[in-house]
Amino acid sequence: MSNTPSTHHQQEEIDLGYLLNKINKLFKNSVKLFFELIAFFIRFKFIVLTLLIFAIAYGFYKDSRSITVYDNKAIVIPNFESVDYMYGKADALNAKIKSRDTVFLQEVLGQHYKRLREVELEPIVDLYNFLSKSRENIDIFRIFLTSQDLKEYIDEHSNNKYYKYHTLDLKIIGDESPNIILDKLMEFFNDNEHYKNYGLVYRENLELQINEYNKMIMQTDSLIASMSRSNQTSQGVTMFDYTNLHLLFERKRDMLDEKLELEKKLTDYKDTIKLVDVEYNLKQSSTLSFKIKYPLYMLFVITLLFFARNFYNWLRRIANEDQV
């Protein structure tokens, strides 16, 4: 026999009443536990206060002995296909810092080697600049996105080589003479015979290209002047044939833009890893003071002891009930 609508409605009321009863019981137990916790703190107030005073005093001591670590952020340009080389050198240096290879670190950083805590490198992602360089870059980007989303593409370490600028973050203890450590680090990055030779070839080639552009621009100017003279009538009125002349002007503009890019590259090709800009002694985001952390830790431990004590009493009551 199937349930009637009234029976189903009564069943729903019973289920709802049971649920509300359970919620009410849970709330009462929570309030009771909270007041028991307060009573526990009051009962052992002298012990709790003593422990808190000790924790605060030790926190003050730790704060007075703590060492401030500063961020020193630089912007660098890795030239001559040296992106992977630069990241590899940074990883190697971090490994030496972790293993406390004092001989190597002192050789690289000099007398301040103990103050460098970590070297972090990260590309400055500029997709617009990358994609606007050439049609080939657009095709590369499209191929990558077929196998991964945009965030994965940006985070992918192998794609760092496609970005011109990178941030170099040095975490240094104290704020004295961070420029000396940075200078030593840049010497470490640029001390590579292979890339020095690459640099000579790149610079010579760029200078040759710039000279060739200068010649082509002069030739274009001469051609434009010649066309202007050839179109001048006997009455002194200039009659231009614009059929091809506008193409010369457009080509000259393109050549000037291309020459500018080459001159900018020649400026960038000063070093294998070129230092662009740096900001020293940027204080790291402040962490919670020890004089606050240690009292909080102490309160947490005391609260855990309270719950452990209650749990033990609950288990003991269950054991005594089974024995009756």
Protein backbone atom coordinates (compact mmCIF):
# COMPACT_ATOMS: atom_id res chain seq x y z
CA MET A 1 0.00 0.00 0.00
CA SER A 2 1.53 3.31 -1.05
CA ASN A 3 2.08 6.19 1.35
CA THR A 4 -0.71 8.77 1.42
CA PRO A 5 0.16 12.52 1.02
CA SER A 6 -0.52 13.11 4.74
CA THR A 7 1.84 10.30 5.75
CA HIS A 8 4.58 11.70 3.48
CA HIS A 9 4.08 15.18 4.95
CA GLN A 10 4.35 13.81 8.50
CA GLN A 11 7.57 11.98 7.55
CA GLU A 12 9.06 15.26 6.25
CA GLU A 13 8.09 17.05 9.48
CA ILE A 14 9.75 14.29 11.54
CA ASP A 15 12.95 14.50 9.47
CA LEU A 16 13.03 18.31 9.75
CA GLY A 17 12.37 18.14 13.49
CA TYR A 18 15.14 15.60 13.93
CA LEU A 19 17.57 17.80 11.98
CA LEU A 20 16.66 20.93 13.97
CA ASN A 21 17.04 18.97 17.20
CA LYS A 22 20.53 17.83 16.17
CA ILE A 23 21.54 21.39 15.18
CA ASN A 24 20.22 22.74 18.49
CA LYS A 25 22.10 20.07 20.42
CA LEU A 26 25.33 20.80 18.49
CA PHE A 27 24.98 24.53 19.21
CA LYS A 28 24.44 23.90 22.93
CA ASN A 29 27.45 21.58 23.08
CA SER A 30 29.60 24.20 21.30
CA VAL A 31 28.53 26.93 23.73
CA LYS A 32 29.13 24.59 26.65
CA LEU A 33 32.60 23.70 25.35
CA PHE A 34 33.43 27.38 24.85
CA PHE A 35 32.53 28.25 28.44
CA GLU A 36 34.46 25.23 29.69
CA LEU A 37 37.48 26.55 27.81
CA ILE A 38 37.09 29.97 29.45
CA ALA A 39 36.73 28.29 32.83
CA PHE A 40 39.90 26.29 32.13
CA PHE A 41 41.85 29.49 31.43
CA ILE A 42 40.45 31.14 34.56
CA ARG A 43 41.27 28.13 36.70
CA PHE A 44 44.88 28.08 35.54
CA LYS A 45 45.16 31.85 35.01
CA PHE A 46 48.45 32.24 36.88
CA ILE A 47 50.11 29.48 34.87
CA VAL A 48 48.66 30.86 31.61
CA LEU A 49 49.78 34.43 32.43
CA THR A 50 53.27 33.23 33.35
CA LEU A 51 53.59 31.31 30.09
CA LEU A 52 52.29 34.29 28.08
CA ILE A 53 54.73 36.69 29.76
CA PHE A 54 57.56 34.29 29.01
CA ALA A 55 56.42 33.99 25.35
CA ILE A 56 56.20 37.80 24.95
CA ALA A 57 59.63 38.31 26.53
CA TYR A 58 61.16 35.67 24.28
CA GLY A 59 59.40 37.29 21.30
CA PHE A 60 60.99 40.65 22.15
CA TYR A 61 64.37 38.92 22.36
CA LYS A 62 63.91 37.23 18.98
CA ASP A 63 62.79 40.51 17.38
CA SER A 64 65.90 42.27 18.67
CA ARG A 65 68.11 39.53 17.19
CA SER A 66 66.22 39.09 13.92
CA ILE A 67 67.92 40.08 10.66
CA THR A 68 66.10 42.12 8.05
CA VAL A 69 66.26 40.74 4.53
CA TYR A 70 65.83 43.28 1.72
CA ASP A 71 64.72 42.79 -1.86
CA ASN A 72 66.91 44.42 -4.49
CA LYS A 73 65.12 44.32 -7.82
CA ALA A 74 66.88 44.86 -11.15
CA ILE A 75 65.75 44.68 -14.77
CA VAL A 76 68.14 42.90 -17.11
CA ILE A 77 68.33 42.02 -20.81
CA PRO A 78 69.93 38.67 -21.74
CA ASN A 79 71.58 39.12 -25.15
CA PHE A 80 73.06 36.74 -27.71
CA GLU A 81 70.56 33.90 -27.02
CA SER A 82 71.73 33.74 -23.40
CA VAL A 83 68.37 33.38 -21.58
CA ASP A 84 68.84 29.72 -20.65
CA TYR A 85 72.47 30.43 -19.73
CA MET A 86 71.39 33.24 -17.36
CA TYR A 87 68.74 31.11 -15.61
CA GLY A 88 71.21 28.23 -15.33
CA LYS A 89 73.81 30.47 -13.68
CA ALA A 90 71.20 31.73 -11.20
CA ASP A 91 70.14 28.16 -10.34
CA ALA A 92 73.77 27.15 -9.86
CA LEU A 93 74.40 30.09 -7.54
CA ASN A 94 71.29 29.28 -5.47
CA ALA A 95 72.50 25.69 -5.15
CA LYS A 96 75.86 26.94 -3.88
CA ILE A 97 74.11 29.20 -1.35
CA LYS A 98 72.00 26.29 -0.05
CA SER A 99 75.00 23.98 0.21
CA ARG A 100 77.02 26.80 1.87
CA ASP A 101 79.92 26.51 -0.54
CA THR A 102 81.80 29.41 1.05
CA VAL A 103 84.88 29.03 -1.15
CA PHE A 104 82.87 29.39 -4.38
CA LEU A 105 80.63 32.15 -3.01
CA GLN A 106 83.54 34.20 -1.71
CA GLU A 107 85.27 33.88 -5.07
CA VAL A 108 82.14 35.14 -6.87
CA LEU A 109 80.78 37.74 -4.42
CA GLY A 110 83.83 38.81 -2.45
CA GLN A 111 83.69 39.70 1.23
CA HIS A 112 79.89 40.20 1.23
CA TYR A 113 79.12 36.63 0.13
CA LYS A 114 77.35 35.71 3.42
CA ARG A 115 74.70 38.40 2.94
CA LEU A 116 73.19 37.04 -0.29
CA ARG A 117 70.31 34.71 0.56
CA GLU A 118 68.74 33.99 -2.83
CA VAL A 119 68.70 34.99 -6.50
CA GLU A 120 65.34 34.98 -8.30
CA LEU A 121 64.80 35.49 -12.03
CA GLU A 122 61.47 36.01 -13.74
CA PRO A 123 60.54 37.14 -17.27
CA ILE A 124 58.59 40.36 -17.75
CA VAL A 125 55.80 38.96 -19.89
CA ASP A 126 55.02 41.32 -22.78
CA LEU A 127 52.93 39.36 -25.25
CA TYR A 128 52.02 42.41 -27.32
CA ASN A 129 55.66 43.30 -27.92
CA PHE A 130 56.49 39.66 -28.71
CA LEU A 131 53.60 39.21 -31.16
CA SER A 132 54.14 42.56 -32.90
CA LYS A 133 57.71 41.68 -33.87
CA SER A 134 56.84 39.35 -36.73
CA ARG A 135 54.25 37.08 -38.28
CA GLU A 136 56.44 34.14 -37.29
CA ASN A 137 55.99 34.99 -33.60
CA ILE A 138 52.22 34.97 -34.03
CA ASP A 139 52.40 31.51 -35.59
CA ILE A 140 54.63 30.26 -32.73
CA PHE A 141 52.20 31.63 -30.15
CA ARG A 142 49.24 29.99 -31.90
CA ILE A 143 51.01 26.61 -31.98
CA PHE A 144 51.78 26.76 -28.25
CA LEU A 145 48.19 27.66 -27.36
CA THR A 146 46.85 24.58 -29.17
CA SER A 147 48.46 22.38 -26.51
CA GLN A 148 48.19 24.59 -23.36
CA ASP A 149 46.19 27.52 -22.04
CA LEU A 150 47.51 31.07 -21.73
CA LYS A 151 48.52 30.82 -18.06
CA GLU A 152 50.45 27.59 -18.66
CA TYR A 153 52.16 29.23 -21.65
CA ILE A 154 53.25 32.21 -19.54
CA ASP A 155 54.45 30.01 -16.66
CA GLU A 156 56.33 27.61 -18.94
CA HIS A 157 60.04 28.06 -18.26
CA SER A 158 61.03 27.22 -21.83
CA ASN A 159 59.12 30.27 -23.11
CA ASN A 160 61.31 32.72 -21.16
CA LYS A 161 63.55 33.15 -24.20
CA TYR A 162 60.78 34.98 -26.07
CA TYR A 163 60.76 37.94 -23.68
CA LYS A 164 63.32 40.73 -23.83
CA TYR A 165 63.26 41.96 -20.23
CA HIS A 166 63.63 39.93 -17.02
CA THR A 167 63.52 40.87 -13.34
CA LEU A 168 66.48 39.94 -11.18
CA ASP A 169 65.60 39.86 -7.47
CA LEU A 170 68.43 39.63 -4.95
CA LYS A 171 67.46 38.86 -1.36
CA ILE A 172 70.23 40.44 0.74
CA ILE A 173 70.69 40.59 4.50
CA GLY A 174 70.86 44.22 5.66
CA ASP A 175 70.86 47.41 3.64
CA GLU A 176 74.59 48.13 3.39
CA SER A 177 76.29 48.24 -0.03
CA PRO A 178 73.88 46.04 -2.03
CA ASN A 179 75.32 47.63 -5.19
CA ILE A 180 78.65 45.87 -4.54
CA ILE A 181 76.92 42.47 -4.45
CA LEU A 182 74.98 43.28 -7.62
CA ASP A 183 78.14 44.40 -9.44
CA LYS A 184 79.88 41.16 -8.46
CA LEU A 185 76.89 39.15 -9.61
CA MET A 186 76.80 40.91 -12.99
CA GLU A 187 80.51 40.14 -13.43
CA PHE A 188 79.69 36.51 -12.65
CA PHE A 189 76.94 36.46 -15.30
CA ASN A 190 79.06 38.17 -17.96
CA ASP A 191 82.23 36.16 -17.40
CA ASN A 192 81.80 33.73 -20.29
CA GLU A 193 84.19 33.60 -23.24
CA HIS A 194 81.66 31.99 -25.57
CA TYR A 195 79.12 34.81 -25.19
CA LYS A 196 81.85 37.46 -25.29
CA ASN A 197 82.82 36.16 -28.73
CA TYR A 198 79.16 36.09 -29.73
CA GLY A 199 78.89 39.71 -28.63
CA LEU A 200 81.76 40.79 -30.90
CA VAL A 201 80.13 39.10 -33.90
CA TYR A 202 76.69 40.55 -33.12
CA ARG A 203 78.02 44.11 -32.70
CA GLU A 204 80.14 43.99 -35.86
CA ASN A 205 77.19 42.69 -37.85
CA LEU A 206 74.86 45.37 -36.48
CA GLU A 207 77.32 48.16 -37.27
CA LEU A 208 77.61 46.82 -40.83
CA GLN A 209 73.81 46.71 -41.20
CA ILE A 210 73.45 50.27 -39.85
CA ASN A 211 76.05 51.54 -42.32
CA GLU A 212 74.23 49.79 -45.15
CA TYR A 213 70.94 51.39 -44.11
CA ASN A 214 72.64 54.81 -44.07
CA LYS A 215 73.80 54.22 -47.66
CA MET A 216 70.35 53.02 -48.77
CA ILE A 217 68.66 56.03 -47.18
CA MET A 218 71.12 58.38 -48.95
CA GLN A 219 70.47 56.59 -52.23
CA THR A 220 66.72 56.92 -51.72
CA ASP A 221 67.10 60.65 -51.02
CA SER A 222 69.19 61.04 -54.18
CA LEU A 223 66.60 59.17 -56.22
CA ILE A 224 63.78 61.34 -54.87
CA ALA A 225 65.79 64.50 -55.63
CA SER A 226 66.54 63.24 -59.13
CA MET A 227 62.88 62.51 -59.80
CA SER A 228 61.98 65.99 -58.57
CA ARG A 229 64.45 67.63 -60.97
CA SER A 230 63.37 65.51 -63.93
CA ASN A 231 59.71 66.55 -63.41
CA GLN A 232 60.38 70.29 -63.38
CA THR A 233 59.06 72.20 -66.47
CA SER A 234 60.76 75.08 -68.23
CA GLN A 235 58.45 77.53 -66.44
CA GLY A 236 59.84 76.32 -63.08
CA VAL A 237 56.70 74.44 -62.08
CA THR A 238 57.36 71.00 -60.57
CA MET A 239 55.19 68.20 -61.91
CA PHE A 240 55.56 65.03 -59.82
CA ASP A 241 54.75 61.60 -61.07
CA TYR A 242 53.29 60.07 -57.90
CA THR A 243 52.99 56.61 -59.40
CA ASN A 244 56.22 55.37 -57.79
CA LEU A 245 57.31 58.30 -55.66
CA HIS A 246 55.05 57.41 -52.72
CA LEU A 247 56.61 53.94 -52.67
CA LEU A 248 60.04 55.53 -52.20
CA PHE A 249 58.77 57.61 -49.29
CA GLU A 250 57.20 54.53 -47.67
CA ARG A 251 60.39 52.54 -48.17
CA LYS A 252 62.47 55.32 -46.65
CA ARG A 253 60.19 55.41 -43.62
CA ASP A 254 60.50 51.64 -43.22
CA MET A 255 64.28 51.84 -43.49
CA LEU A 256 64.42 54.56 -40.82
CA ASP A 257 62.31 52.39 -38.50
CA GLU A 258 64.49 49.34 -39.17
CA LYS A 259 67.65 51.37 -38.62
CA LEU A 260 66.26 52.62 -35.30
CA GLU A 261 65.65 49.04 -34.14
CA LEU A 262 69.22 48.11 -35.08
CA GLU A 263 70.63 51.11 -33.18
CA LYS A 264 68.58 50.15 -30.12
CA LYS A 265 69.94 46.61 -30.35
CA LEU A 266 73.49 47.93 -30.62
CA THR A 267 72.90 49.86 -27.39
CA ASP A 268 71.53 46.70 -25.72
CA TYR A 269 74.47 44.60 -26.90
CA LYS A 270 76.86 46.24 -24.46
CA ASP A 271 77.06 43.07 -22.30
CA THR A 272 75.87 39.49 -22.45
CA ILE A 273 73.53 40.27 -19.54
CA LYS A 274 72.83 44.00 -19.62
CA LEU A 275 71.70 45.80 -16.46
CA VAL A 276 68.86 48.19 -17.34
CA ASP A 277 67.60 49.47 -14.00
CA VAL A 278 67.79 48.62 -10.29
CA GLU A 279 65.99 49.52 -7.08
CA TYR A 280 67.93 48.86 -3.88
CA ASN A 281 66.75 47.95 -0.38
CA LEU A 282 63.05 47.30 -0.97
CA LYS A 283 61.96 45.90 2.37
CA GLN A 284 60.22 42.54 2.17
CA SER A 285 56.57 42.34 3.10
CA SER A 286 56.53 42.48 6.88
CA THR A 287 55.80 39.24 8.68
CA LEU A 288 54.13 38.92 12.06
CA SER A 289 56.39 40.02 14.91
CA PHE A 290 57.81 37.30 17.18
CA LYS A 291 56.36 39.06 20.24
CA ILE A 292 52.92 38.46 18.70
CA LYS A 293 53.54 35.05 17.15
CA TYR A 294 54.95 33.33 20.25
CA PRO A 295 52.03 34.30 22.58
CA LEU A 296 49.61 33.09 19.90
CA TYR A 297 51.52 29.81 19.64
CA MET A 298 51.37 29.48 23.44
CA LEU A 299 47.60 30.06 23.52
CA PHE A 300 47.19 27.47 20.75
CA VAL A 301 49.20 24.89 22.70
CA ILE A 302 47.23 25.54 25.90
CA THR A 303 43.95 25.19 23.98
CA LEU A 304 45.17 21.90 22.54
CA LEU A 305 45.93 20.69 26.06
CA PHE A 306 42.39 21.60 27.10
CA PHE A 307 40.86 19.60 24.23
CA ALA A 308 43.21 16.68 24.92
CA ARG A 309 42.13 16.72 28.58
CA ASN A 310 38.42 16.78 27.61
CA PHE A 311 38.92 13.98 25.09
CA TYR A 312 40.68 11.87 27.72
CA ASN A 313 37.81 12.44 30.22
CA TRP A 314 35.27 11.51 27.53
CA LEU A 315 37.09 8.25 26.79
CA ARG A 316 37.34 7.49 30.51
CA ARG A 317 33.57 7.98 30.96
CA ILE A 318 32.87 5.57 28.10
CA ALA A 319 35.24 3.00 29.61
CA ASN A 320 33.55 3.28 33.07
CA GLU A 321 30.07 2.92 31.52
CA ASP A 322 31.11 -0.34 29.82
CA GLN A 323 32.35 -1.71 33.13
CA VAL A 324 29.04 -1.08 34.94
